[in-house]
């Protein structure tokens, strides 16, 4: 799924519709993942260091994605695309590994079992995020094409 950055300097329509919902869900998931990973690392890191480290990585990815979705400009658009694509790869890899080799993850991460502990939101959210970014890029490209034709 190729996502090109917006071609104009206008802000993305994050203040309404699905954009607002996606940003809110990313923000909530970031807070939940931060809380979970901080607690796990502080209280029982020696029990499952890989799982707890992956929870911290997921938290960082959600924070970056949230900030990048809110921020304006082509650089932030690319950061959002990269963070969300990384999130999708992470949930697919960790989810698959946690199904194939449960001993690898003796305790759940945000992404284990494809985000089952978070009602599978970690699996669905990056797909919706990438589709939304692609929609924005296409609408910006169409607008730029119309302006160039006028």
N, C-alpha and C. Protein backbone atom coordinates (compact mmCIF):
# COMPACT_ATOMS: atom_id res chain seq x y z
N UNK A 1 0.85 -1.16 0.00
CA UNK A 1 0.00 0.00 0.00
C UNK A 1 0.90 1.23 0.00
N UNK A 2 0.96 1.92 -1.11
CA UNK A 2 1.81 3.09 -1.24
C UNK A 2 1.03 4.33 -0.81
N UNK A 3 1.66 5.12 0.03
CA UNK A 3 1.02 6.33 0.52
C UNK A 3 1.97 7.49 0.27
N UNK A 4 1.55 8.41 -0.59
CA UNK A 4 2.37 9.58 -0.89
C UNK A 4 1.94 10.72 0.02
N UNK A 5 2.87 11.60 0.39
CA UNK A 5 2.51 12.72 1.26
C UNK A 5 1.63 13.73 0.53
N UNK A 6 0.91 14.52 1.28
CA UNK A 6 0.09 15.56 0.66
C UNK A 6 0.95 16.49 -0.17
N UNK A 7 0.38 16.99 -1.26
CA UNK A 7 1.15 17.86 -2.15
C UNK A 7 0.96 19.33 -1.86
N UNK A 8 0.01 19.67 -1.01
CA UNK A 8 -0.21 21.07 -0.66
C UNK A 8 0.13 21.29 0.81
N UNK A 9 0.22 22.54 1.19
CA UNK A 9 0.56 22.84 2.58
C UNK A 9 -0.68 22.93 3.46
N UNK A 10 -1.86 22.65 2.92
CA UNK A 10 -3.07 22.69 3.73
C UNK A 10 -3.03 21.60 4.79
N UNK A 11 -3.64 21.88 5.95
CA UNK A 11 -3.69 20.84 6.99
C UNK A 11 -4.56 19.68 6.57
N UNK A 12 -4.28 18.51 7.11
CA UNK A 12 -5.12 17.34 6.87
C UNK A 12 -6.42 17.53 7.65
N UNK A 13 -7.49 16.92 7.18
CA UNK A 13 -8.78 17.08 7.86
C UNK A 13 -8.89 16.21 9.10
N UNK A 14 -8.08 16.48 10.10
CA UNK A 14 -8.09 15.66 11.31
C UNK A 14 -9.15 16.09 12.30
N UNK A 15 -9.79 17.21 12.04
CA UNK A 15 -10.74 17.73 13.03
C UNK A 15 -12.14 17.17 12.87
N UNK A 16 -12.33 16.24 11.93
CA UNK A 16 -13.66 15.68 11.77
C UNK A 16 -13.58 14.24 11.27
N UNK A 17 -14.67 13.55 11.40
CA UNK A 17 -14.81 12.23 10.83
C UNK A 17 -13.85 11.20 11.39
N UNK A 18 -13.48 10.28 10.53
CA UNK A 18 -12.66 9.15 10.92
C UNK A 18 -11.28 9.60 11.42
N UNK A 19 -10.78 10.71 10.93
CA UNK A 19 -9.49 11.21 11.38
C UNK A 19 -9.47 11.50 12.87
N UNK A 20 -10.51 12.12 13.34
CA UNK A 20 -10.62 12.44 14.77
C UNK A 20 -10.70 11.16 15.60
N UNK A 21 -11.46 10.19 15.12
CA UNK A 21 -11.61 8.92 15.82
C UNK A 21 -10.27 8.17 15.86
N UNK A 22 -9.58 8.10 14.71
CA UNK A 22 -8.29 7.41 14.66
C UNK A 22 -7.28 8.04 15.62
N UNK A 23 -7.21 9.34 15.64
CA UNK A 23 -6.27 10.02 16.53
C UNK A 23 -6.63 9.75 17.99
N UNK A 24 -7.91 9.79 18.31
CA UNK A 24 -8.33 9.50 19.69
C UNK A 24 -7.97 8.07 20.08
N UNK A 25 -8.22 7.12 19.20
CA UNK A 25 -7.91 5.72 19.52
C UNK A 25 -6.41 5.53 19.65
N UNK A 26 -5.63 6.15 18.76
CA UNK A 26 -4.17 6.06 18.89
C UNK A 26 -3.70 6.65 20.22
N UNK A 27 -4.27 7.77 20.60
CA UNK A 27 -3.88 8.39 21.87
C UNK A 27 -4.22 7.51 23.07
N UNK A 28 -5.41 6.94 23.06
CA UNK A 28 -5.82 6.05 24.16
C UNK A 28 -4.93 4.81 24.20
N UNK A 29 -4.66 4.24 23.02
CA UNK A 29 -3.81 3.05 22.96
C UNK A 29 -2.39 3.37 23.41
N UNK A 30 -1.91 4.55 23.08
CA UNK A 30 -0.58 4.97 23.53
C UNK A 30 -0.54 5.03 25.05
N UNK A 31 -1.52 5.64 25.66
CA UNK A 31 -1.56 5.73 27.12
C UNK A 31 -1.67 4.35 27.77
N UNK A 32 -2.52 3.49 27.21
CA UNK A 32 -2.68 2.14 27.75
C UNK A 32 -1.39 1.35 27.63
N UNK A 33 -0.74 1.44 26.48
CA UNK A 33 0.50 0.69 26.27
C UNK A 33 1.64 1.23 27.14
N UNK A 34 1.68 2.54 27.33
CA UNK A 34 2.69 3.13 28.23
C UNK A 34 2.48 2.62 29.65
N UNK A 35 1.25 2.68 30.11
CA UNK A 35 0.95 2.22 31.47
C UNK A 35 1.29 0.76 31.67
N UNK A 36 0.92 -0.05 30.72
CA UNK A 36 1.18 -1.48 30.82
C UNK A 36 2.68 -1.76 30.81
N UNK A 37 3.40 -1.16 29.88
CA UNK A 37 4.83 -1.46 29.77
C UNK A 37 5.62 -0.93 30.97
N UNK A 38 5.27 0.24 31.46
CA UNK A 38 5.97 0.78 32.63
C UNK A 38 5.74 -0.13 33.84
N UNK A 39 4.51 -0.55 34.04
CA UNK A 39 4.21 -1.45 35.15
C UNK A 39 4.96 -2.78 34.99
N UNK A 40 4.91 -3.36 33.82
CA UNK A 40 5.56 -4.65 33.59
C UNK A 40 7.07 -4.57 33.77
N UNK A 41 7.67 -3.54 33.22
CA UNK A 41 9.13 -3.40 33.31
C UNK A 41 9.54 -3.10 34.74
N UNK A 42 8.77 -2.28 35.44
CA UNK A 42 9.13 -1.90 36.81
C UNK A 42 8.93 -3.03 37.81
N UNK A 43 7.95 -3.90 37.59
CA UNK A 43 7.62 -4.89 38.61
C UNK A 43 8.03 -6.32 38.31
N UNK A 44 8.16 -6.67 37.03
CA UNK A 44 8.44 -8.08 36.74
C UNK A 44 9.19 -8.29 35.43
N UNK A 45 10.11 -7.40 35.12
CA UNK A 45 10.85 -7.47 33.87
C UNK A 45 11.58 -8.79 33.70
N UNK A 46 12.12 -9.34 34.78
CA UNK A 46 12.90 -10.58 34.70
C UNK A 46 12.05 -11.79 34.32
N UNK A 47 10.73 -11.72 34.44
CA UNK A 47 9.85 -12.83 34.09
C UNK A 47 9.67 -12.99 32.58
N UNK A 48 9.64 -11.90 31.84
CA UNK A 48 9.41 -11.95 30.39
C UNK A 48 10.01 -10.71 29.73
N UNK A 49 11.34 -10.60 29.71
CA UNK A 49 11.95 -9.37 29.18
C UNK A 49 11.61 -9.07 27.72
N UNK A 50 11.51 -10.08 26.88
CA UNK A 50 11.15 -9.84 25.48
C UNK A 50 9.74 -9.28 25.38
N UNK A 51 8.81 -9.90 26.04
CA UNK A 51 7.41 -9.45 25.98
C UNK A 51 7.27 -8.02 26.49
N UNK A 52 7.91 -7.73 27.61
CA UNK A 52 7.77 -6.40 28.20
C UNK A 52 8.50 -5.33 27.39
N UNK A 53 9.59 -5.70 26.78
CA UNK A 53 10.30 -4.77 25.89
C UNK A 53 9.46 -4.48 24.66
N UNK A 54 8.78 -5.50 24.13
CA UNK A 54 7.91 -5.28 22.98
C UNK A 54 6.71 -4.41 23.34
N UNK A 55 6.21 -4.54 24.55
CA UNK A 55 5.13 -3.64 24.99
C UNK A 55 5.61 -2.20 25.03
N UNK A 56 6.84 -1.98 25.48
CA UNK A 56 7.41 -0.63 25.49
C UNK A 56 7.60 -0.10 24.07
N UNK A 57 8.07 -0.98 23.17
CA UNK A 57 8.23 -0.58 21.77
C UNK A 57 6.87 -0.21 21.17
N UNK A 58 5.86 -1.01 21.42
CA UNK A 58 4.52 -0.71 20.93
C UNK A 58 4.05 0.65 21.45
N UNK A 59 4.28 0.90 22.72
CA UNK A 59 3.89 2.19 23.31
C UNK A 59 4.57 3.34 22.59
N UNK A 60 5.86 3.21 22.33
CA UNK A 60 6.61 4.26 21.62
C UNK A 60 6.05 4.48 20.21
N UNK A 61 5.73 3.40 19.53
CA UNK A 61 5.17 3.50 18.18
C UNK A 61 3.82 4.22 18.22
N UNK A 62 2.98 3.90 19.20
CA UNK A 62 1.68 4.56 19.30
C UNK A 62 1.82 6.04 19.61
N UNK A 63 2.78 6.40 20.43
CA UNK A 63 3.02 7.82 20.73
C UNK A 63 3.46 8.55 19.48
N UNK A 64 4.43 8.00 18.76
CA UNK A 64 4.92 8.63 17.53
C UNK A 64 3.79 8.75 16.50
N UNK A 65 3.01 7.69 16.33
CA UNK A 65 1.91 7.72 15.37
C UNK A 65 0.89 8.79 15.74
N UNK A 66 0.56 8.89 17.02
CA UNK A 66 -0.42 9.89 17.46
C UNK A 66 0.07 11.29 17.16
N UNK A 67 1.31 11.57 17.53
CA UNK A 67 1.87 12.90 17.29
C UNK A 67 1.92 13.20 15.79
N UNK A 68 2.36 12.22 15.00
CA UNK A 68 2.50 12.43 13.56
C UNK A 68 1.14 12.62 12.88
N UNK A 69 0.12 11.96 13.36
CA UNK A 69 -1.22 12.15 12.77
C UNK A 69 -1.79 13.52 13.07
N UNK A 70 -1.42 14.08 14.21
CA UNK A 70 -1.91 15.40 14.58
C UNK A 70 -1.12 16.51 13.88
N UNK A 71 0.19 16.29 13.74
CA UNK A 71 1.07 17.32 13.18
C UNK A 71 0.80 17.54 11.68
N UNK A 72 1.23 18.68 11.19
CA UNK A 72 1.03 19.05 9.79
C UNK A 72 2.34 18.95 9.02
N UNK A 73 2.22 18.79 7.73
CA UNK A 73 3.36 18.83 6.84
C UNK A 73 3.74 17.46 6.28
N UNK A 74 4.47 17.51 5.18
CA UNK A 74 4.86 16.29 4.46
C UNK A 74 5.76 15.38 5.30
N UNK A 75 6.65 15.96 6.10
CA UNK A 75 7.55 15.14 6.92
C UNK A 75 6.74 14.36 7.95
N UNK A 76 5.81 15.01 8.62
CA UNK A 76 4.99 14.33 9.62
C UNK A 76 4.08 13.29 8.97
N UNK A 77 3.63 13.58 7.75
CA UNK A 77 2.81 12.62 7.02
C UNK A 77 3.62 11.34 6.78
N UNK A 78 4.87 11.50 6.37
CA UNK A 78 5.74 10.33 6.17
C UNK A 78 6.02 9.61 7.49
N UNK A 79 6.26 10.37 8.54
CA UNK A 79 6.48 9.75 9.86
C UNK A 79 5.26 8.93 10.27
N UNK A 80 4.08 9.47 10.08
CA UNK A 80 2.85 8.74 10.41
C UNK A 80 2.75 7.46 9.59
N UNK A 81 3.03 7.55 8.31
CA UNK A 81 2.96 6.39 7.43
C UNK A 81 3.95 5.31 7.87
N UNK A 82 5.17 5.71 8.17
CA UNK A 82 6.20 4.76 8.60
C UNK A 82 5.84 4.13 9.94
N UNK A 83 5.40 4.95 10.89
CA UNK A 83 5.04 4.43 12.22
C UNK A 83 3.88 3.45 12.13
N UNK A 84 2.88 3.78 11.35
CA UNK A 84 1.71 2.92 11.25
C UNK A 84 2.04 1.64 10.48
N UNK A 85 2.86 1.75 9.44
CA UNK A 85 3.29 0.54 8.72
C UNK A 85 4.13 -0.36 9.64
N UNK A 86 5.01 0.25 10.43
CA UNK A 86 5.81 -0.52 11.40
C UNK A 86 4.90 -1.21 12.41
N UNK A 87 3.89 -0.49 12.86
CA UNK A 87 2.92 -1.06 13.80
C UNK A 87 2.24 -2.29 13.19
N UNK A 88 1.83 -2.19 11.93
CA UNK A 88 1.16 -3.31 11.27
C UNK A 88 2.09 -4.51 11.16
N UNK A 89 3.32 -4.28 10.75
CA UNK A 89 4.30 -5.37 10.67
C UNK A 89 4.53 -5.96 12.06
N UNK A 90 4.67 -5.11 13.06
CA UNK A 90 4.90 -5.58 14.43
C UNK A 90 3.79 -6.46 14.94
N UNK A 91 2.55 -6.03 14.76
CA UNK A 91 1.42 -6.82 15.26
C UNK A 91 1.29 -8.13 14.49
N UNK A 92 1.60 -8.12 13.20
CA UNK A 92 1.53 -9.36 12.43
C UNK A 92 2.64 -10.33 12.81
N UNK A 93 3.85 -9.83 12.98
CA UNK A 93 4.98 -10.70 13.34
C UNK A 93 4.82 -11.23 14.76
N UNK A 94 4.61 -10.32 15.71
CA UNK A 94 4.47 -10.74 17.11
C UNK A 94 3.22 -11.61 17.29
N UNK A 95 2.14 -11.25 16.63
CA UNK A 95 0.92 -12.05 16.71
C UNK A 95 1.14 -13.46 16.19
N UNK A 96 1.81 -13.58 15.06
CA UNK A 96 2.09 -14.90 14.49
C UNK A 96 3.01 -15.70 15.39
N UNK A 97 4.09 -15.06 15.86
CA UNK A 97 5.03 -15.77 16.73
C UNK A 97 4.37 -16.21 18.04
N UNK A 98 3.49 -15.38 18.56
CA UNK A 98 2.85 -15.74 19.83
C UNK A 98 1.85 -16.88 19.66
N UNK A 99 1.34 -17.08 18.46
CA UNK A 99 0.46 -18.22 18.19
C UNK A 99 1.31 -19.48 17.95
N UNK A 100 2.37 -19.35 17.15
CA UNK A 100 3.21 -20.50 16.80
C UNK A 100 4.08 -20.99 17.95
N UNK A 101 4.56 -20.07 18.78
CA UNK A 101 5.47 -20.44 19.88
C UNK A 101 5.09 -19.67 21.14
N UNK A 102 4.05 -20.09 21.84
CA UNK A 102 3.58 -19.36 23.02
C UNK A 102 4.65 -19.20 24.12
N UNK A 103 5.61 -20.12 24.20
CA UNK A 103 6.66 -20.01 25.21
C UNK A 103 7.56 -18.80 24.97
N UNK A 104 7.58 -18.32 23.74
CA UNK A 104 8.39 -17.14 23.43
C UNK A 104 7.86 -15.91 24.17
N UNK A 105 6.56 -15.91 24.44
CA UNK A 105 5.91 -14.79 25.14
C UNK A 105 5.15 -15.33 26.35
N UNK A 106 5.85 -15.55 27.46
CA UNK A 106 5.19 -16.09 28.65
C UNK A 106 4.15 -15.15 29.24
N UNK A 107 4.19 -13.91 28.88
CA UNK A 107 3.17 -12.94 29.29
C UNK A 107 2.80 -12.14 28.05
N UNK A 108 1.58 -11.64 28.01
CA UNK A 108 1.11 -10.92 26.83
C UNK A 108 1.83 -9.60 26.62
N UNK A 109 1.95 -9.23 25.35
CA UNK A 109 2.36 -7.90 24.95
C UNK A 109 1.14 -7.24 24.33
N UNK A 110 1.28 -5.98 23.96
CA UNK A 110 0.19 -5.29 23.29
C UNK A 110 -0.13 -6.00 21.97
N UNK A 111 0.89 -6.51 21.30
CA UNK A 111 0.71 -7.11 19.98
C UNK A 111 0.56 -8.62 19.99
N UNK A 112 0.77 -9.29 21.12
CA UNK A 112 0.68 -10.75 21.11
C UNK A 112 -0.75 -11.20 20.84
N UNK A 113 -0.85 -12.34 20.18
CA UNK A 113 -2.15 -12.88 19.76
C UNK A 113 -2.95 -11.83 18.99
N UNK A 114 -2.21 -11.04 18.21
CA UNK A 114 -2.79 -10.01 17.34
C UNK A 114 -3.58 -8.96 18.11
N UNK A 115 -3.16 -8.68 19.34
CA UNK A 115 -3.82 -7.66 20.14
C UNK A 115 -5.07 -8.13 20.82
N UNK A 116 -5.16 -9.42 21.10
CA UNK A 116 -6.35 -9.98 21.73
C UNK A 116 -6.68 -9.28 23.06
N UNK A 117 -5.65 -8.94 23.82
CA UNK A 117 -5.87 -8.28 25.10
C UNK A 117 -6.43 -6.87 24.96
N UNK A 118 -6.39 -6.34 23.75
CA UNK A 118 -6.92 -5.00 23.47
C UNK A 118 -8.04 -5.09 22.44
N UNK A 119 -8.79 -6.19 22.48
CA UNK A 119 -9.95 -6.41 21.62
C UNK A 119 -9.56 -6.33 20.13
N UNK A 120 -8.37 -6.76 19.79
CA UNK A 120 -7.84 -6.79 18.43
C UNK A 120 -7.71 -5.42 17.78
N UNK A 121 -7.83 -4.37 18.57
CA UNK A 121 -7.65 -3.01 18.05
C UNK A 121 -6.26 -2.84 17.44
N UNK A 122 -5.18 -3.39 18.05
CA UNK A 122 -3.86 -3.25 17.42
C UNK A 122 -3.75 -3.88 16.04
N UNK A 123 -4.61 -4.81 15.70
CA UNK A 123 -4.60 -5.42 14.37
C UNK A 123 -5.39 -4.58 13.37
N UNK A 124 -6.50 -4.03 13.79
CA UNK A 124 -7.38 -3.29 12.89
C UNK A 124 -6.91 -1.84 12.70
N UNK A 125 -6.41 -1.23 13.76
CA UNK A 125 -6.06 0.19 13.73
C UNK A 125 -5.04 0.57 12.66
N UNK A 126 -3.94 -0.15 12.49
CA UNK A 126 -2.99 0.28 11.45
C UNK A 126 -3.55 0.14 10.03
N UNK A 127 -4.41 -0.83 9.80
CA UNK A 127 -5.04 -0.96 8.48
C UNK A 127 -5.91 0.27 8.21
N UNK A 128 -6.73 0.63 9.19
CA UNK A 128 -7.56 1.83 9.03
C UNK A 128 -6.72 3.09 8.90
N UNK A 129 -5.65 3.17 9.69
CA UNK A 129 -4.76 4.33 9.61
C UNK A 129 -4.11 4.48 8.25
N UNK A 130 -3.61 3.39 7.70
CA UNK A 130 -2.98 3.46 6.37
C UNK A 130 -4.00 3.77 5.28
N UNK A 131 -5.19 3.23 5.39
CA UNK A 131 -6.25 3.56 4.42
C UNK A 131 -6.61 5.04 4.49
N UNK A 132 -6.68 5.57 5.72
CA UNK A 132 -7.01 6.99 5.89
C UNK A 132 -5.90 7.87 5.31
N UNK A 133 -4.66 7.52 5.57
CA UNK A 133 -3.55 8.30 5.02
C UNK A 133 -3.55 8.25 3.49
N UNK A 134 -3.84 7.09 2.94
CA UNK A 134 -3.91 6.97 1.48
C UNK A 134 -5.03 7.83 0.92
N UNK A 135 -6.17 7.85 1.60
CA UNK A 135 -7.30 8.68 1.16
C UNK A 135 -6.92 10.16 1.17
N UNK A 136 -6.25 10.58 2.21
CA UNK A 136 -5.81 11.98 2.30
C UNK A 136 -4.85 12.31 1.17
N UNK A 137 -3.89 11.42 0.93
CA UNK A 137 -2.90 11.66 -0.13
C UNK A 137 -3.59 11.77 -1.49
N UNK A 138 -4.55 10.90 -1.72
CA UNK A 138 -5.27 10.94 -3.00
C UNK A 138 -6.09 12.21 -3.15
N UNK A 139 -6.75 12.64 -2.08
CA UNK A 139 -7.56 13.86 -2.18
C UNK A 139 -6.67 15.08 -2.38
N UNK A 140 -5.49 15.09 -1.76
CA UNK A 140 -4.55 16.20 -1.96
C UNK A 140 -4.01 16.19 -3.38
N UNK A 141 -3.73 15.02 -3.91
CA UNK A 141 -3.22 14.92 -5.28
C UNK A 141 -4.29 15.37 -6.28
N UNK A 142 -5.54 15.00 -6.04
CA UNK A 142 -6.63 15.43 -6.91
C UNK A 142 -6.80 16.94 -6.85
N UNK A 143 -6.72 17.50 -5.65
CA UNK A 143 -6.84 18.95 -5.50
C UNK A 143 -5.70 19.67 -6.22
N UNK A 144 -4.49 19.16 -6.09
CA UNK A 144 -3.34 19.78 -6.76
C UNK A 144 -3.50 19.68 -8.27
N UNK A 145 -4.02 18.56 -8.74
CA UNK A 145 -4.25 18.39 -10.18
C UNK A 145 -5.30 19.37 -10.69
N UNK A 146 -6.36 19.57 -9.91
CA UNK A 146 -7.40 20.53 -10.29
C UNK A 146 -6.86 21.95 -10.32
N UNK A 147 -6.02 22.28 -9.33
CA UNK A 147 -5.44 23.63 -9.29
C UNK A 147 -4.48 23.85 -10.46
N UNK A 148 -3.75 22.81 -10.83
CA UNK A 148 -2.82 22.92 -11.94
C UNK A 148 -3.55 23.04 -13.27
N UNK A 149 -4.72 22.42 -13.37
CA UNK A 149 -5.51 22.45 -14.60
C UNK A 149 -6.26 23.76 -14.77
N UNK A 150 -6.50 24.45 -13.70
CA UNK A 150 -7.30 25.68 -13.74
C UNK A 150 -6.55 26.85 -14.28
